[in-house]
Amino acid sequence: MSTDFDPFQSRAEFEFAEFLYSEEEMSAGKIDKLMNLLAALYPNQSPPFSDHKDLYSSIDAIKQGDVPWSSFSVQYSSEDLPSMGGAEPPAWKTENYEVWFRNPLQVLENQLGNPDFKNQIDYAPKCISRNGKRRYENLMSGNWAWNQAVRLFNYIFFIILSQFSRTKLV
């Protein structure tokens, strides 16, 4: 396992960032408050990040598997705005929204090609349920992965069945 946690100073700093950003999905305001509290608790040392912007820029500076950001804009179609008896439509219906994303295929290819994940990925599609309700935990518990597996199973079953039919007829 790699010991290089660049751009982070240590594994602990990396795991702290992962905890705040990925596991807790802590808001920017709460990250700032936490960093201020850490600075007050330990006045002789700086907190791992000065604020949420410092945390986000550290995460964005990770080099491994860098996939460029792309964006597009969306807006509610003005033709679909309902007539509200002369009243103005809600503000969200007239705003223009910018959506930022990374190419999911490139991200997945980078993850699969990363040696740190070797023997760590479960490639088996699964349907997970708890108390009779379907749970989605990752790609392999989603509908797409399950449908692909069923499709592949049906295809292989069809091939085997057709081969069996041919050998019996001969």
C-alpha atoms as a PDB file:
ATOM      1  CA  MET A   1       0.000   0.000   0.000  1.00  0.00           C
ATOM      2  CA  SER A   2       1.293   3.428  -0.905  1.00  0.00           C
ATOM      3  CA  THR A   3       2.652   5.693   1.835  1.00  0.00           C
ATOM      4  CA  ASP A   4       2.528   8.778  -0.384  1.00  0.00           C
ATOM      5  CA  PHE A   5      -0.478  10.871   0.627  1.00  0.00           C
ATOM      6  CA  ASP A   6       0.410  13.924  -1.450  1.00  0.00           C
ATOM      7  CA  PRO A   7      -0.970  16.617  -1.323  1.00  0.00           C
ATOM      8  CA  PHE A   8      -1.738  15.743   2.316  1.00  0.00           C
ATOM      9  CA  GLN A   9       0.980  15.849   4.971  1.00  0.00           C
ATOM     10  CA  SER A  10       0.181  12.409   6.382  1.00  0.00           C
ATOM     11  CA  ARG A  11      -2.192   9.478   6.258  1.00  0.00           C
ATOM     12  CA  ALA A  12      -4.031  10.931   9.276  1.00  0.00           C
ATOM     13  CA  GLU A  13      -4.595  14.221   7.427  1.00  0.00           C
ATOM     14  CA  PHE A  14      -5.841  12.325   4.364  1.00  0.00           C
ATOM     15  CA  GLU A  15      -8.229  10.239   6.487  1.00  0.00           C
ATOM     16  CA  PHE A  16      -9.408  13.368   8.309  1.00  0.00           C
ATOM     17  CA  ALA A  17     -10.240  15.004   4.964  1.00  0.00           C
ATOM     18  CA  GLU A  18     -11.957  11.834   3.768  1.00  0.00           C
ATOM     19  CA  PHE A  19     -13.984  11.675   6.989  1.00  0.00           C
ATOM     20  CA  LEU A  20     -15.144  15.297   6.742  1.00  0.00           C
ATOM     21  CA  TYR A  21     -15.840  15.311   3.018  1.00  0.00           C
ATOM     22  CA  SER A  22     -16.949  11.784   2.119  1.00  0.00           C
ATOM     23  CA  GLU A  23     -18.220  10.120   5.260  1.00  0.00           C
ATOM     24  CA  GLU A  24     -19.808  13.029   7.139  1.00  0.00           C
ATOM     25  CA  GLU A  25     -20.393  15.255   4.095  1.00  0.00           C
ATOM     26  CA  MET A  26     -19.815  18.142   6.487  1.00  0.00           C
ATOM     27  CA  SER A  27     -20.987  21.557   5.310  1.00  0.00           C
ATOM     28  CA  ALA A  28     -18.484  24.319   4.566  1.00  0.00           C
ATOM     29  CA  GLY A  29     -19.664  26.330   7.585  1.00  0.00           C
ATOM     30  CA  LYS A  30     -19.233  23.389   9.954  1.00  0.00           C
ATOM     31  CA  ILE A  31     -15.766  22.632   8.545  1.00  0.00           C
ATOM     32  CA  ASP A  32     -14.777  26.251   9.239  1.00  0.00           C
ATOM     33  CA  LYS A  33     -16.181  26.020  12.774  1.00  0.00           C
ATOM     34  CA  LEU A  34     -14.331  22.742  13.430  1.00  0.00           C
ATOM     35  CA  MET A  35     -11.013  24.199  12.199  1.00  0.00           C
ATOM     36  CA  ASN A  36     -11.516  27.250  14.466  1.00  0.00           C
ATOM     37  CA  LEU A  37     -12.243  24.960  17.423  1.00  0.00           C
ATOM     38  CA  LEU A  38      -9.124  22.876  16.724  1.00  0.00           C
ATOM     39  CA  ALA A  39      -7.042  26.062  16.507  1.00  0.00           C
ATOM     40  CA  ALA A  40      -8.441  27.207  19.881  1.00  0.00           C
ATOM     41  CA  LEU A  41      -7.938  23.793  21.508  1.00  0.00           C
ATOM     42  CA  TYR A  42      -4.353  23.468  20.269  1.00  0.00           C
ATOM     43  CA  PRO A  43      -2.984  27.026  20.053  1.00  0.00           C
ATOM     44  CA  ASN A  44       0.605  25.877  19.496  1.00  0.00           C
ATOM     45  CA  GLN A  45      -0.194  24.070  16.244  1.00  0.00           C
ATOM     46  CA  SER A  46      -2.239  24.855  13.173  1.00  0.00           C
ATOM     47  CA  PRO A  47      -5.320  22.786  12.340  1.00  0.00           C
ATOM     48  CA  PRO A  48      -4.950  20.391   9.387  1.00  0.00           C
ATOM     49  CA  PHE A  49      -6.807  22.856   7.141  1.00  0.00           C
ATOM     50  CA  SER A  50      -7.291  26.576   7.630  1.00  0.00           C
ATOM     51  CA  ASP A  51     -10.916  26.435   6.413  1.00  0.00           C
ATOM     52  CA  HIS A  52     -13.250  24.638   4.005  1.00  0.00           C
ATOM     53  CA  LYS A  53     -11.599  26.258   0.971  1.00  0.00           C
ATOM     54  CA  ASP A  54      -8.217  24.887   2.050  1.00  0.00           C
ATOM     55  CA  LEU A  55      -9.748  21.408   2.492  1.00  0.00           C
ATOM     56  CA  TYR A  56     -11.459  21.534  -0.910  1.00  0.00           C
ATOM     57  CA  SER A  57      -8.325  22.772  -2.687  1.00  0.00           C
ATOM     58  CA  SER A  58      -6.313  19.945  -1.074  1.00  0.00           C
ATOM     59  CA  ILE A  59      -8.852  17.395  -2.329  1.00  0.00           C
ATOM     60  CA  ASP A  60      -8.847  18.967  -5.803  1.00  0.00           C
ATOM     61  CA  ALA A  61      -5.020  18.842  -5.850  1.00  0.00           C
ATOM     62  CA  ILE A  62      -4.984  15.026  -5.683  1.00  0.00           C
ATOM     63  CA  LYS A  63      -3.160  13.974  -8.843  1.00  0.00           C
ATOM     64  CA  GLN A  64      -3.935  10.266  -9.106  1.00  0.00           C
ATOM     65  CA  GLY A  65      -6.576   9.520 -11.689  1.00  0.00           C
ATOM     66  CA  ASP A  66      -7.210  13.147 -12.490  1.00  0.00           C
ATOM     67  CA  VAL A  67     -10.306  13.441 -14.669  1.00  0.00           C
ATOM     68  CA  PRO A  68     -11.055  16.970 -15.862  1.00  0.00           C
ATOM     69  CA  TRP A  69     -14.180  18.767 -14.763  1.00  0.00           C
ATOM     70  CA  SER A  70     -16.863  19.562 -17.351  1.00  0.00           C
ATOM     71  CA  SER A  71     -19.991  21.629 -17.017  1.00  0.00           C
ATOM     72  CA  PHE A  72     -23.263  22.527 -18.632  1.00  0.00           C
ATOM     73  CA  SER A  73     -26.118  24.869 -17.801  1.00  0.00           C
ATOM     74  CA  VAL A  74     -29.748  23.996 -17.292  1.00  0.00           C
ATOM     75  CA  GLN A  75     -32.841  26.110 -16.962  1.00  0.00           C
ATOM     76  CA  TYR A  76     -36.512  25.344 -16.620  1.00  0.00           C
ATOM     77  CA  SER A  77     -38.070  25.611 -20.069  1.00  0.00           C
ATOM     78  CA  SER A  78     -40.024  28.860 -20.275  1.00  0.00           C
ATOM     79  CA  GLU A  79     -42.619  27.167 -22.500  1.00  0.00           C
ATOM     80  CA  ASP A  80     -43.419  24.822 -19.635  1.00  0.00           C
ATOM     81  CA  LEU A  81     -43.962  27.579 -17.067  1.00  0.00           C
ATOM     82  CA  PRO A  82     -47.504  27.181 -15.780  1.00  0.00           C
ATOM     83  CA  SER A  83     -49.879  30.077 -15.955  1.00  0.00           C
ATOM     84  CA  MET A  84     -50.250  31.288 -12.386  1.00  0.00           C
ATOM     85  CA  GLY A  85     -53.038  33.794 -12.896  1.00  0.00           C
ATOM     86  CA  GLY A  86     -50.664  36.636 -13.741  1.00  0.00           C
ATOM     87  CA  ALA A  87     -48.339  35.893 -10.819  1.00  0.00           C
ATOM     88  CA  GLU A  88     -44.620  35.565 -11.413  1.00  0.00           C
ATOM     89  CA  PRO A  89     -43.306  31.983 -11.424  1.00  0.00           C
ATOM     90  CA  PRO A  90     -41.076  30.933  -8.508  1.00  0.00           C
ATOM     91  CA  ALA A  91     -37.485  32.206  -8.784  1.00  0.00           C
ATOM     92  CA  TRP A  92     -36.019  28.707  -9.126  1.00  0.00           C
ATOM     93  CA  LYS A  93     -37.978  28.240 -12.359  1.00  0.00           C
ATOM     94  CA  THR A  94     -36.360  31.261 -13.999  1.00  0.00           C
ATOM     95  CA  GLU A  95     -32.767  30.758 -12.773  1.00  0.00           C
ATOM     96  CA  ASN A  96     -29.946  29.317 -14.846  1.00  0.00           C
ATOM     97  CA  TYR A  97     -28.051  26.508 -13.044  1.00  0.00           C
ATOM     98  CA  GLU A  98     -24.508  25.378 -13.764  1.00  0.00           C
ATOM     99  CA  VAL A  99     -23.894  21.645 -13.317  1.00  0.00           C
ATOM    100  CA  TRP A 100     -20.302  20.439 -12.836  1.00  0.00           C
ATOM    101  CA  PHE A 101     -19.316  16.805 -13.276  1.00  0.00           C
ATOM    102  CA  ARG A 102     -16.487  14.471 -14.145  1.00  0.00           C
ATOM    103  CA  ASN A 103     -16.853  11.849 -16.854  1.00  0.00           C
ATOM    104  CA  PRO A 104     -18.156   8.823 -14.894  1.00  0.00           C
ATOM    105  CA  LEU A 105     -16.604   6.329 -17.330  1.00  0.00           C
ATOM    106  CA  GLN A 106     -13.142   7.897 -16.949  1.00  0.00           C
ATOM    107  CA  VAL A 107     -13.528   7.998 -13.161  1.00  0.00           C
ATOM    108  CA  LEU A 108     -14.495   4.319 -13.091  1.00  0.00           C
ATOM    109  CA  GLU A 109     -11.622   3.388 -15.421  1.00  0.00           C
ATOM    110  CA  ASN A 110      -9.192   5.203 -13.101  1.00  0.00           C
ATOM    111  CA  GLN A 111     -10.587   3.422 -10.058  1.00  0.00           C
ATOM    112  CA  LEU A 112     -10.360   0.015 -11.714  1.00  0.00           C
ATOM    113  CA  GLY A 113      -6.832   0.770 -12.927  1.00  0.00           C
ATOM    114  CA  ASN A 114      -5.601   1.940  -9.511  1.00  0.00           C
ATOM    115  CA  PRO A 115      -3.391  -0.756  -7.924  1.00  0.00           C
ATOM    116  CA  ASP A 116      -4.433   0.413  -4.435  1.00  0.00           C
ATOM    117  CA  PHE A 117      -7.852  -1.135  -5.106  1.00  0.00           C
ATOM    118  CA  LYS A 118      -6.472  -4.520  -6.184  1.00  0.00           C
ATOM    119  CA  ASN A 119      -8.470  -7.293  -4.465  1.00  0.00           C
ATOM    120  CA  GLN A 120     -10.632  -4.632  -2.785  1.00  0.00           C
ATOM    121  CA  ILE A 121     -13.507  -4.427  -5.264  1.00  0.00           C
ATOM    122  CA  ASP A 122     -16.463  -6.803  -5.239  1.00  0.00           C
ATOM    123  CA  TYR A 123     -17.516  -7.201  -8.866  1.00  0.00           C
ATOM    124  CA  ALA A 124     -20.627  -9.260  -8.103  1.00  0.00           C
ATOM    125  CA  PRO A 125     -23.946  -7.516  -8.793  1.00  0.00           C
ATOM    126  CA  LYS A 126     -26.376  -7.823  -5.924  1.00  0.00           C
ATOM    127  CA  CYS A 127     -29.838  -6.842  -4.761  1.00  0.00           C
ATOM    128  CA  ILE A 128     -29.676  -5.701  -1.155  1.00  0.00           C
ATOM    129  CA  SER A 129     -32.825  -5.243   0.891  1.00  0.00           C
ATOM    130  CA  ARG A 130     -33.568  -4.493   4.492  1.00  0.00           C
ATOM    131  CA  ASN A 131     -37.045  -4.803   5.976  1.00  0.00           C
ATOM    132  CA  GLY A 132     -38.436  -5.420   2.509  1.00  0.00           C
ATOM    133  CA  LYS A 133     -37.002  -2.177   1.071  1.00  0.00           C
ATOM    134  CA  ARG A 134     -34.352  -2.127  -1.653  1.00  0.00           C
ATOM    135  CA  ARG A 135     -31.060  -0.518  -0.616  1.00  0.00           C
ATOM    136  CA  TYR A 136     -28.557   1.039  -2.978  1.00  0.00           C
ATOM    137  CA  GLU A 137     -25.055   1.162  -1.537  1.00  0.00           C
ATOM    138  CA  ASN A 138     -22.733   1.269  -4.541  1.00  0.00           C
ATOM    139  CA  LEU A 139     -22.569   0.629  -8.276  1.00  0.00           C
ATOM    140  CA  MET A 140     -22.896  -3.134  -7.885  1.00  0.00           C
ATOM    141  CA  SER A 141     -26.093  -2.838  -5.825  1.00  0.00           C
ATOM    142  CA  GLY A 142     -27.760  -0.623  -8.439  1.00  0.00           C
ATOM    143  CA  ASN A 143     -30.264  -1.512 -11.114  1.00  0.00           C
ATOM    144  CA  TRP A 144     -27.795  -1.111 -13.992  1.00  0.00           C
ATOM    145  CA  ALA A 145     -25.300  -3.687 -12.656  1.00  0.00           C
ATOM    146  CA  TRP A 146     -28.085  -6.121 -11.798  1.00  0.00           C
ATOM    147  CA  ASN A 147     -29.741  -5.754 -15.214  1.00  0.00           C
ATOM    148  CA  GLN A 148     -26.407  -6.277 -16.984  1.00  0.00           C
ATOM    149  CA  ALA A 149     -25.803  -9.487 -15.032  1.00  0.00           C
ATOM    150  CA  VAL A 150     -29.301 -10.813 -15.777  1.00  0.00           C
ATOM    151  CA  ARG A 151     -28.853  -9.953 -19.452  1.00  0.00           C
ATOM    152  CA  LEU A 152     -25.485 -11.702 -19.566  1.00  0.00           C
ATOM    153  CA  PHE A 153     -26.889 -14.739 -17.727  1.00  0.00           C
ATOM    154  CA  ASN A 154     -29.795 -14.985 -20.179  1.00  0.00           C
ATOM    155  CA  TYR A 155     -27.421 -14.656 -23.138  1.00  0.00           C
ATOM    156  CA  ILE A 156     -25.075 -17.374 -21.836  1.00  0.00           C
ATOM    157  CA  PHE A 157     -28.041 -19.604 -20.965  1.00  0.00           C
ATOM    158  CA  PHE A 158     -29.396 -19.135 -24.506  1.00  0.00           C
ATOM    159  CA  ILE A 159     -25.993 -20.039 -26.030  1.00  0.00           C
ATOM    160  CA  ILE A 160     -25.678 -23.169 -23.872  1.00  0.00           C
ATOM    161  CA  LEU A 161     -29.252 -24.195 -24.603  1.00  0.00           C
ATOM    162  CA  SER A 162     -28.781 -23.731 -28.359  1.00  0.00           C
ATOM    163  CA  GLN A 163     -25.527 -25.737 -28.262  1.00  0.00           C
ATOM    164  CA  PHE A 164     -27.284 -28.499 -26.337  1.00  0.00           C
ATOM    165  CA  SER A 165     -30.131 -28.558 -28.878  1.00  0.00           C
ATOM    166  CA  ARG A 166     -27.693 -28.824 -31.774  1.00  0.00           C
ATOM    167  CA  THR A 167     -25.757 -31.722 -30.252  1.00  0.00           C
ATOM    168  CA  LYS A 168     -28.952 -33.653 -29.556  1.00  0.00           C
ATOM    169  CA  LEU A 169     -30.208 -33.213 -33.086  1.00  0.00           C
ATOM    170  CA  VAL A 170     -27.032 -34.573 -34.682  1.00  0.00           C
END
